[in-house]
Amino acid sequence: MTNTVSVILLAVLATAVVIGLIVLAVRLTQRPRNSLIGGGLGPALIEQVLELKAVGEFDQAVILVRGETGLSHRAASRVVRKLHAPAP
């Protein structure tokens, strides 16, 4: 009886460890929340964002950056705020 209980407990423990390792592996391989999908902002996207900022459409610029990059709202807002038109 004791051997059966020990085997069952050992099997449950081993299963829990394997599931924990799988969950850890999945989390480590996922894309970080605020990383850029395409590797960065392209010149065309920057130009569109600057045009939207110039006409006072900050929220639309943030939505555009979020849609193109996958950034969170907070991170996209920071990006839009920091973008400035190049000096002539």
PDB file of N, CA and C in Angstrom:
ATOM      1  N   MET A   1       0.820  -1.197   0.000  1.00  0.00           N
ATOM      2  CA  MET A   1       0.000   0.000   0.000  1.00  0.00           C
ATOM      3  C   MET A   1       0.865   1.263   0.000  1.00  0.00           C
ATOM      4  N   THR A   2       1.924   1.253   0.811  1.00  0.00           N
ATOM      5  CA  THR A   2       2.801   2.416   0.911  1.00  0.00           C
ATOM      6  C   THR A   2       3.545   2.643  -0.398  1.00  0.00           C
ATOM      7  N   ASN A   3       3.949   1.566  -1.065  1.00  0.00           N
ATOM      8  CA  ASN A   3       4.650   1.702  -2.332  1.00  0.00           C
ATOM      9  C   ASN A   3       3.743   2.302  -3.399  1.00  0.00           C
ATOM     10  N   THR A   4       2.499   1.934  -3.408  1.00  0.00           N
ATOM     11  CA  THR A   4       1.551   2.465  -4.387  1.00  0.00           C
ATOM     12  C   THR A   4       1.348   3.957  -4.185  1.00  0.00           C
ATOM     13  N   VAL A   5       1.195   4.376  -2.950  1.00  0.00           N
ATOM     14  CA  VAL A   5       1.013   5.794  -2.653  1.00  0.00           C
ATOM     15  C   VAL A   5       2.269   6.565  -3.031  1.00  0.00           C
ATOM     16  N   SER A   6       3.436   6.025  -2.738  1.00  0.00           N
ATOM     17  CA  SER A   6       4.702   6.677  -3.077  1.00  0.00           C
ATOM     18  C   SER A   6       4.851   6.837  -4.590  1.00  0.00           C
ATOM     19  N   VAL A   7       4.493   5.808  -5.317  1.00  0.00           N
ATOM     20  CA  VAL A   7       4.587   5.863  -6.779  1.00  0.00           C
ATOM     21  C   VAL A   7       3.631   6.910  -7.337  1.00  0.00           C
ATOM     22  N   ILE A   8       2.432   6.966  -6.819  1.00  0.00           N
ATOM     23  CA  ILE A   8       1.444   7.944  -7.288  1.00  0.00           C
ATOM     24  C   ILE A   8       1.920   9.366  -6.980  1.00  0.00           C
ATOM     25  N   LEU A   9       2.405   9.582  -5.762  1.00  0.00           N
ATOM     26  CA  LEU A   9       2.905  10.916  -5.400  1.00  0.00           C
ATOM     27  C   LEU A   9       4.110  11.317  -6.243  1.00  0.00           C
ATOM     28  N   LEU A  10       4.997  10.388  -6.509  1.00  0.00           N
ATOM     29  CA  LEU A  10       6.163  10.657  -7.344  1.00  0.00           C
ATOM     30  C   LEU A  10       5.738  10.983  -8.777  1.00  0.00           C
ATOM     31  N   ALA A  11       4.753  10.285  -9.293  1.00  0.00           N
ATOM     32  CA  ALA A  11       4.251  10.553 -10.644  1.00  0.00           C
ATOM     33  C   ALA A  11       3.599  11.928 -10.717  1.00  0.00           C
ATOM     34  N   VAL A  12       2.840  12.291  -9.692  1.00  0.00           N
ATOM     35  CA  VAL A  12       2.207  13.614  -9.659  1.00  0.00           C
ATOM     36  C   VAL A  12       3.277  14.705  -9.597  1.00  0.00           C
ATOM     37  N   LEU A  13       4.280  14.511  -8.770  1.00  0.00           N
ATOM     38  CA  LEU A  13       5.361  15.486  -8.648  1.00  0.00           C
ATOM     39  C   LEU A  13       6.117  15.634  -9.965  1.00  0.00           C
ATOM     40  N   ALA A  14       6.425  14.522 -10.606  1.00  0.00           N
ATOM     41  CA  ALA A  14       7.137  14.567 -11.888  1.00  0.00           C
ATOM     42  C   ALA A  14       6.291  15.278 -12.954  1.00  0.00           C
ATOM     43  N   THR A  15       5.005  15.017 -12.959  1.00  0.00           N
ATOM     44  CA  THR A  15       4.112  15.677 -13.917  1.00  0.00           C
ATOM     45  C   THR A  15       4.076  17.181 -13.676  1.00  0.00           C
ATOM     46  N   ALA A  16       4.013  17.584 -12.411  1.00  0.00           N
ATOM     47  CA  ALA A  16       3.990  19.009 -12.086  1.00  0.00           C
ATOM     48  C   ALA A  16       5.288  19.693 -12.514  1.00  0.00           C
ATOM     49  N   VAL A  17       6.408  19.035 -12.324  1.00  0.00           N
ATOM     50  CA  VAL A  17       7.698  19.600 -12.730  1.00  0.00           C
ATOM     51  C   VAL A  17       7.758  19.756 -14.250  1.00  0.00           C
ATOM     52  N   VAL A  18       7.321  18.746 -14.985  1.00  0.00           N
ATOM     53  CA  VAL A  18       7.339  18.819 -16.449  1.00  0.00           C
ATOM     54  C   VAL A  18       6.427  19.944 -16.947  1.00  0.00           C
ATOM     55  N   ILE A  19       5.244  20.051 -16.374  1.00  0.00           N
ATOM     56  CA  ILE A  19       4.326  21.123 -16.786  1.00  0.00           C
ATOM     57  C   ILE A  19       4.933  22.488 -16.461  1.00  0.00           C
ATOM     58  N   GLY A  20       5.550  22.615 -15.302  1.00  0.00           N
ATOM     59  CA  GLY A  20       6.203  23.871 -14.933  1.00  0.00           C
ATOM     60  C   GLY A  20       7.317  24.241 -15.896  1.00  0.00           C
ATOM     61  N   LEU A  21       8.110  23.271 -16.302  1.00  0.00           N
ATOM     62  CA  LEU A  21       9.190  23.537 -17.263  1.00  0.00           C
ATOM     63  C   LEU A  21       8.643  23.938 -18.630  1.00  0.00           C
ATOM     64  N   ILE A  22       7.551  23.333 -19.038  1.00  0.00           N
ATOM     65  CA  ILE A  22       6.937  23.701 -20.323  1.00  0.00           C
ATOM     66  C   ILE A  22       6.419  25.129 -20.265  1.00  0.00           C
ATOM     67  N   VAL A  23       5.749  25.490 -19.182  1.00  0.00           N
ATOM     68  CA  VAL A  23       5.241  26.858 -19.037  1.00  0.00           C
ATOM     69  C   VAL A  23       6.392  27.848 -19.033  1.00  0.00           C
ATOM     70  N   LEU A  24       7.468  27.555 -18.330  1.00  0.00           N
ATOM     71  CA  LEU A  24       8.634  28.430 -18.301  1.00  0.00           C
ATOM     72  C   LEU A  24       9.235  28.596 -19.690  1.00  0.00           C
ATOM     73  N   ALA A  25       9.363  27.508 -20.433  1.00  0.00           N
ATOM     74  CA  ALA A  25       9.924  27.574 -21.780  1.00  0.00           C
ATOM     75  C   ALA A  25       9.066  28.435 -22.698  1.00  0.00           C
ATOM     76  N   VAL A  26       7.757  28.301 -22.596  1.00  0.00           N
ATOM     77  CA  VAL A  26       6.859  29.098 -23.437  1.00  0.00           C
ATOM     78  C   VAL A  26       6.995  30.573 -23.100  1.00  0.00           C
ATOM     79  N   ARG A  27       7.051  30.907 -21.830  1.00  0.00           N
ATOM     80  CA  ARG A  27       7.179  32.315 -21.432  1.00  0.00           C
ATOM     81  C   ARG A  27       8.500  32.912 -21.870  1.00  0.00           C
ATOM     82  N   LEU A  28       9.566  32.132 -21.832  1.00  0.00           N
ATOM     83  CA  LEU A  28      10.874  32.651 -22.234  1.00  0.00           C
ATOM     84  C   LEU A  28      10.987  32.871 -23.734  1.00  0.00           C
ATOM     85  N   THR A  29      10.211  32.139 -24.510  1.00  0.00           N
ATOM     86  CA  THR A  29      10.310  32.273 -25.959  1.00  0.00           C
ATOM     87  C   THR A  29       9.344  33.292 -26.539  1.00  0.00           C
ATOM     88  N   GLN A  30       8.385  33.760 -25.736  1.00  0.00           N
ATOM     89  CA  GLN A  30       7.424  34.723 -26.264  1.00  0.00           C
ATOM     90  C   GLN A  30       8.079  36.084 -26.444  1.00  0.00           C
ATOM     91  N   ARG A  31       7.521  36.849 -27.376  1.00  0.00           N
ATOM     92  CA  ARG A  31       8.012  38.194 -27.657  1.00  0.00           C
ATOM     93  C   ARG A  31       7.725  39.084 -26.452  1.00  0.00           C
ATOM     94  N   PRO A  32       8.706  39.862 -26.008  1.00  0.00           N
ATOM     95  CA  PRO A  32       8.437  40.802 -24.931  1.00  0.00           C
ATOM     96  C   PRO A  32       7.304  41.762 -25.297  1.00  0.00           C
ATOM     97  N   ARG A  33       6.562  42.201 -24.308  1.00  0.00           N
ATOM     98  CA  ARG A  33       5.350  42.983 -24.539  1.00  0.00           C
ATOM     99  C   ARG A  33       5.589  44.252 -25.355  1.00  0.00           C
ATOM    100  N   ASN A  34       6.683  44.938 -25.115  1.00  0.00           N
ATOM    101  CA  ASN A  34       6.885  46.218 -25.777  1.00  0.00           C
ATOM    102  C   ASN A  34       7.966  46.189 -26.843  1.00  0.00           C
ATOM    103  N   SER A  35       8.315  45.042 -27.333  1.00  0.00           N
ATOM    104  CA  SER A  35       9.297  45.012 -28.406  1.00  0.00           C
ATOM    105  C   SER A  35       8.621  45.305 -29.736  1.00  0.00           C
ATOM    106  N   LEU A  36       9.375  45.818 -30.666  1.00  0.00           N
ATOM    107  CA  LEU A  36       8.826  46.157 -31.978  1.00  0.00           C
ATOM    108  C   LEU A  36       8.758  44.918 -32.848  1.00  0.00           C
ATOM    109  N   ILE A  37       7.645  44.726 -33.530  1.00  0.00           N
ATOM    110  CA  ILE A  37       7.449  43.543 -34.372  1.00  0.00           C
ATOM    111  C   ILE A  37       8.359  43.581 -35.598  1.00  0.00           C
ATOM    112  N   GLY A  38       8.370  44.684 -36.306  1.00  0.00           N
ATOM    113  CA  GLY A  38       9.133  44.782 -37.536  1.00  0.00           C
ATOM    114  C   GLY A  38      10.576  45.183 -37.335  1.00  0.00           C
ATOM    115  N   GLY A  39      11.044  45.247 -36.117  1.00  0.00           N
ATOM    116  CA  GLY A  39      12.420  45.622 -35.861  1.00  0.00           C
ATOM    117  C   GLY A  39      12.602  47.119 -35.691  1.00  0.00           C
ATOM    118  N   GLY A  40      11.574  47.905 -35.861  1.00  0.00           N
ATOM    119  CA  GLY A  40      11.700  49.344 -35.665  1.00  0.00           C
ATOM    120  C   GLY A  40      10.678  50.114 -36.476  1.00  0.00           C
ATOM    121  N   LEU A  41      10.789  51.405 -36.380  1.00  0.00           N
ATOM    122  CA  LEU A  41       9.892  52.289 -37.130  1.00  0.00           C
ATOM    123  C   LEU A  41      10.549  52.615 -38.465  1.00  0.00           C
ATOM    124  N   GLY A  42       9.831  52.373 -39.531  1.00  0.00           N
ATOM    125  CA  GLY A  42      10.357  52.698 -40.841  1.00  0.00           C
ATOM    126  C   GLY A  42      10.147  54.164 -41.163  1.00  0.00           C
ATOM    127  N   PRO A  43      10.846  54.675 -42.162  1.00  0.00           N
ATOM    128  CA  PRO A  43      10.732  56.090 -42.531  1.00  0.00           C
ATOM    129  C   PRO A  43       9.304  56.485 -42.931  1.00  0.00           C
ATOM    130  N   ALA A  44       8.593  55.581 -43.599  1.00  0.00           N
ATOM    131  CA  ALA A  44       7.224  55.902 -44.023  1.00  0.00           C
ATOM    132  C   ALA A  44       6.310  56.050 -42.806  1.00  0.00           C
ATOM    133  N   LEU A  45       6.467  55.174 -41.824  1.00  0.00           N
ATOM    134  CA  LEU A  45       5.651  55.256 -40.613  1.00  0.00           C
ATOM    135  C   LEU A  45       5.984  56.525 -39.825  1.00  0.00           C
ATOM    136  N   ILE A  46       7.250  56.851 -39.718  1.00  0.00           N
ATOM    137  CA  ILE A  46       7.649  58.070 -39.014  1.00  0.00           C
ATOM    138  C   ILE A  46       7.049  59.294 -39.688  1.00  0.00           C
ATOM    139  N   GLU A  47       7.074  59.301 -41.008  1.00  0.00           N
ATOM    140  CA  GLU A  47       6.505  60.433 -41.755  1.00  0.00           C
ATOM    141  C   GLU A  47       5.001  60.561 -41.488  1.00  0.00           C
ATOM    142  N   GLN A  48       4.284  59.439 -41.495  1.00  0.00           N
ATOM    143  CA  GLN A  48       2.844  59.471 -41.221  1.00  0.00           C
ATOM    144  C   GLN A  48       2.562  59.960 -39.804  1.00  0.00           C
ATOM    145  N   VAL A  49       3.349  59.485 -38.852  1.00  0.00           N
ATOM    146  CA  VAL A  49       3.164  59.891 -37.457  1.00  0.00           C
ATOM    147  C   VAL A  49       3.418  61.384 -37.305  1.00  0.00           C
ATOM    148  N   LEU A  50       4.472  61.886 -37.937  1.00  0.00           N
ATOM    149  CA  LEU A  50       4.785  63.316 -37.845  1.00  0.00           C
ATOM    150  C   LEU A  50       3.693  64.168 -38.483  1.00  0.00           C
ATOM    151  N   GLU A  51       3.117  63.681 -39.586  1.00  0.00           N
ATOM    152  CA  GLU A  51       2.013  64.414 -40.220  1.00  0.00           C
ATOM    153  C   GLU A  51       0.796  64.462 -39.293  1.00  0.00           C
ATOM    154  N   LEU A  52       0.482  63.340 -38.660  1.00  0.00           N
ATOM    155  CA  LEU A  52      -0.652  63.316 -37.729  1.00  0.00           C
ATOM    156  C   LEU A  52      -0.401  64.246 -36.537  1.00  0.00           C
ATOM    157  N   LYS A  53       0.820  64.245 -36.019  1.00  0.00           N
ATOM    158  CA  LYS A  53       1.141  65.140 -34.903  1.00  0.00           C
ATOM    159  C   LYS A  53       1.023  66.608 -35.331  1.00  0.00           C
ATOM    160  N   ALA A  54       1.427  66.900 -36.556  1.00  0.00           N
ATOM    161  CA  ALA A  54       1.418  68.282 -37.041  1.00  0.00           C
ATOM    162  C   ALA A  54       0.004  68.842 -37.113  1.00  0.00           C
ATOM    163  N   VAL A  55      -0.978  67.989 -37.380  1.00  0.00           N
ATOM    164  CA  VAL A  55      -2.365  68.471 -37.466  1.00  0.00           C
ATOM    165  C   VAL A  55      -3.128  68.239 -36.156  1.00  0.00           C
ATOM    166  N   GLY A  56      -2.405  67.879 -35.103  1.00  0.00           N
ATOM    167  CA  GLY A  56      -3.037  67.732 -33.797  1.00  0.00           C
ATOM    168  C   GLY A  56      -3.742  66.416 -33.549  1.00  0.00           C
ATOM    169  N   GLU A  57      -3.434  65.403 -34.302  1.00  0.00           N
ATOM    170  CA  GLU A  57      -4.067  64.085 -34.156  1.00  0.00           C
ATOM    171  C   GLU A  57      -3.143  63.129 -33.406  1.00  0.00           C
ATOM    172  N   PHE A  58      -2.813  63.488 -32.168  1.00  0.00           N
ATOM    173  CA  PHE A  58      -1.899  62.684 -31.361  1.00  0.00           C
ATOM    174  C   PHE A  58      -2.442  61.273 -31.144  1.00  0.00           C
ATOM    175  N   ASP A  59      -3.715  61.169 -30.791  1.00  0.00           N
ATOM    176  CA  ASP A  59      -4.310  59.856 -30.528  1.00  0.00           C
ATOM    177  C   ASP A  59      -4.277  58.960 -31.760  1.00  0.00           C
ATOM    178  N   GLN A  60      -4.543  59.530 -32.920  1.00  0.00           N
ATOM    179  CA  GLN A  60      -4.492  58.744 -34.156  1.00  0.00           C
ATOM    180  C   GLN A  60      -3.064  58.278 -34.438  1.00  0.00           C
ATOM    181  N   ALA A  61      -2.091  59.122 -34.119  1.00  0.00           N
ATOM    182  CA  ALA A  61      -0.686  58.743 -34.314  1.00  0.00           C
ATOM    183  C   ALA A  61      -0.329  57.575 -33.400  1.00  0.00           C
ATOM    184  N   VAL A  62      -0.809  57.610 -32.169  1.00  0.00           N
ATOM    185  CA  VAL A  62      -0.546  56.522 -31.226  1.00  0.00           C
ATOM    186  C   VAL A  62      -1.194  55.233 -31.728  1.00  0.00           C
ATOM    187  N   ILE A  63      -2.414  55.324 -32.192  1.00  0.00           N
ATOM    188  CA  ILE A  63      -3.106  54.137 -32.713  1.00  0.00           C
ATOM    189  C   ILE A  63      -2.352  53.565 -33.916  1.00  0.00           C
ATOM    190  N   LEU A  64      -1.858  54.426 -34.772  1.00  0.00           N
ATOM    191  CA  LEU A  64      -1.085  53.973 -35.933  1.00  0.00           C
ATOM    192  C   LEU A  64       0.180  53.239 -35.495  1.00  0.00           C
ATOM    193  N   VAL A  65       0.907  53.816 -34.547  1.00  0.00           N
ATOM    194  CA  VAL A  65       2.136  53.177 -34.065  1.00  0.00           C
ATOM    195  C   VAL A  65       1.811  51.842 -33.405  1.00  0.00           C
ATOM    196  N   ARG A  66       0.741  51.795 -32.622  1.00  0.00           N
ATOM    197  CA  ARG A  66       0.353  50.539 -31.975  1.00  0.00           C
ATOM    198  C   ARG A  66       0.024  49.466 -33.002  1.00  0.00           C
ATOM    199  N   GLY A  67      -0.726  49.853 -34.028  1.00  0.00           N
ATOM    200  CA  GLY A  67      -1.123  48.883 -35.046  1.00  0.00           C
ATOM    201  C   GLY A  67       0.043  48.354 -35.854  1.00  0.00           C
ATOM    202  N   GLU A  68       1.020  49.206 -36.121  1.00  0.00           N
ATOM    203  CA  GLU A  68       2.146  48.797 -36.961  1.00  0.00           C
ATOM    204  C   GLU A  68       3.254  48.082 -36.189  1.00  0.00           C
ATOM    205  N   THR A  69       3.383  48.375 -34.896  1.00  0.00           N
ATOM    206  CA  THR A  69       4.512  47.833 -34.141  1.00  0.00           C
ATOM    207  C   THR A  69       4.124  46.820 -33.081  1.00  0.00           C
ATOM    208  N   GLY A  70       2.885  46.855 -32.616  1.00  0.00           N
ATOM    209  CA  GLY A  70       2.489  45.952 -31.544  1.00  0.00           C
ATOM    210  C   GLY A  70       2.846  46.462 -30.159  1.00  0.00           C
ATOM    211  N   LEU A  71       3.261  47.705 -30.054  1.00  0.00           N
ATOM    212  CA  LEU A  71       3.595  48.291 -28.760  1.00  0.00           C
ATOM    213  C   LEU A  71       2.349  48.487 -27.914  1.00  0.00           C
ATOM    214  N   SER A  72       2.534  48.562 -26.606  1.00  0.00           N
ATOM    215  CA  SER A  72       1.430  48.893 -25.721  1.00  0.00           C
ATOM    216  C   SER A  72       1.065  50.360 -25.938  1.00  0.00           C
ATOM    217  N   HIS A  73      -0.102  50.756 -25.414  1.00  0.00           N
ATOM    218  CA  HIS A  73      -0.544  52.142 -25.574  1.00  0.00           C
ATOM    219  C   HIS A  73       0.463  53.104 -24.939  1.00  0.00           C
ATOM    220  N   ARG A  74       0.932  52.751 -23.770  1.00  0.00           N
ATOM    221  CA  ARG A  74       1.879  53.609 -23.059  1.00  0.00           C
ATOM    222  C   ARG A  74       3.188  53.775 -23.836  1.00  0.00           C
ATOM    223  N   ALA A  75       3.733  52.676 -24.336  1.00  0.00           N
ATOM    224  CA  ALA A  75       4.990  52.728 -25.085  1.00  0.00           C
ATOM    225  C   ALA A  75       4.810  53.476 -26.407  1.00  0.00           C
ATOM    226  N   ALA A  76       3.691  53.251 -27.078  1.00  0.00           N
ATOM    227  CA  ALA A  76       3.438  53.953 -28.343  1.00  0.00           C
ATOM    228  C   ALA A  76       3.289  55.456 -28.106  1.00  0.00           C
ATOM    229  N   SER A  77       2.661  55.838 -27.004  1.00  0.00           N
ATOM    230  CA  SER A  77       2.534  57.261 -26.672  1.00  0.00           C
ATOM    231  C   SER A  77       3.898  57.886 -26.464  1.00  0.00           C
ATOM    232  N   ARG A  78       4.784  57.166 -25.777  1.00  0.00           N
ATOM    233  CA  ARG A  78       6.143  57.672 -25.573  1.00  0.00           C
ATOM    234  C   ARG A  78       6.870  57.859 -26.894  1.00  0.00           C
ATOM    235  N   VAL A  79       6.715  56.894 -27.788  1.00  0.00           N
ATOM    236  CA  VAL A  79       7.381  56.989 -29.099  1.00  0.00           C
ATOM    237  C   VAL A  79       6.871  58.204 -29.851  1.00  0.00           C
ATOM    238  N   VAL A  80       5.557  58.382 -29.877  1.00  0.00           N
ATOM    239  CA  VAL A  80       4.964  59.512 -30.630  1.00  0.00           C
ATOM    240  C   VAL A  80       5.415  60.836 -30.018  1.00  0.00           C
ATOM    241  N   ARG A  81       5.448  60.915 -28.690  1.00  0.00           N
ATOM    242  CA  ARG A  81       5.884  62.154 -28.042  1.00  0.00           C
ATOM    243  C   ARG A  81       7.327  62.497 -28.364  1.00  0.00           C
ATOM    244  N   LYS A  82       8.169  61.485 -28.477  1.00  0.00           N
ATOM    245  CA  LYS A  82       9.596  61.719 -28.697  1.00  0.00           C
ATOM    246  C   LYS A  82       9.954  61.992 -30.157  1.00  0.00           C
ATOM    247  N   LEU A  83       9.053  61.672 -31.078  1.00  0.00           N
ATOM    248  CA  LEU A  83       9.351  61.928 -32.498  1.00  0.00           C
ATOM    249  C   LEU A  83       9.187  63.427 -32.792  1.00  0.00           C
ATOM    250  N   HIS A  84      10.184  63.977 -33.430  1.00  0.00           N
ATOM    251  CA  HIS A  84      10.153  65.390 -33.832  1.00  0.00           C
ATOM    252  C   HIS A  84      10.539  65.494 -35.298  1.00  0.00           C
ATOM    253  N   ALA A  85       9.982  66.465 -35.958  1.00  0.00           N
ATOM    254  CA  ALA A  85      10.296  66.685 -37.379  1.00  0.00           C
ATOM    255  C   ALA A  85      11.769  67.085 -37.483  1.00  0.00           C
ATOM    256  N   PRO A  86      12.463  66.572 -38.506  1.00  0.00           N
ATOM    257  CA  PRO A  86      13.881  66.931 -38.678  1.00  0.00           C
ATOM    258  C   PRO A  86      14.036  68.399 -39.013  1.00  0.00           C
ATOM    259  N   ALA A  87      15.129  68.985 -38.537  1.00  0.00           N
ATOM    260  CA  ALA A  87      15.386  70.397 -38.815  1.00  0.00           C
ATOM    261  C   ALA A  87      15.744  70.570 -40.294  1.00  0.00           C
ATOM    262  N   PRO A  88      15.239  71.640 -40.925  1.00  0.00           N
ATOM    263  CA  PRO A  88      15.515  71.824 -42.365  1.00  0.00           C
ATOM    264  C   PRO A  88      16.948  72.185 -42.659  1.00  0.00           C
TER     265      PRO A  88
END
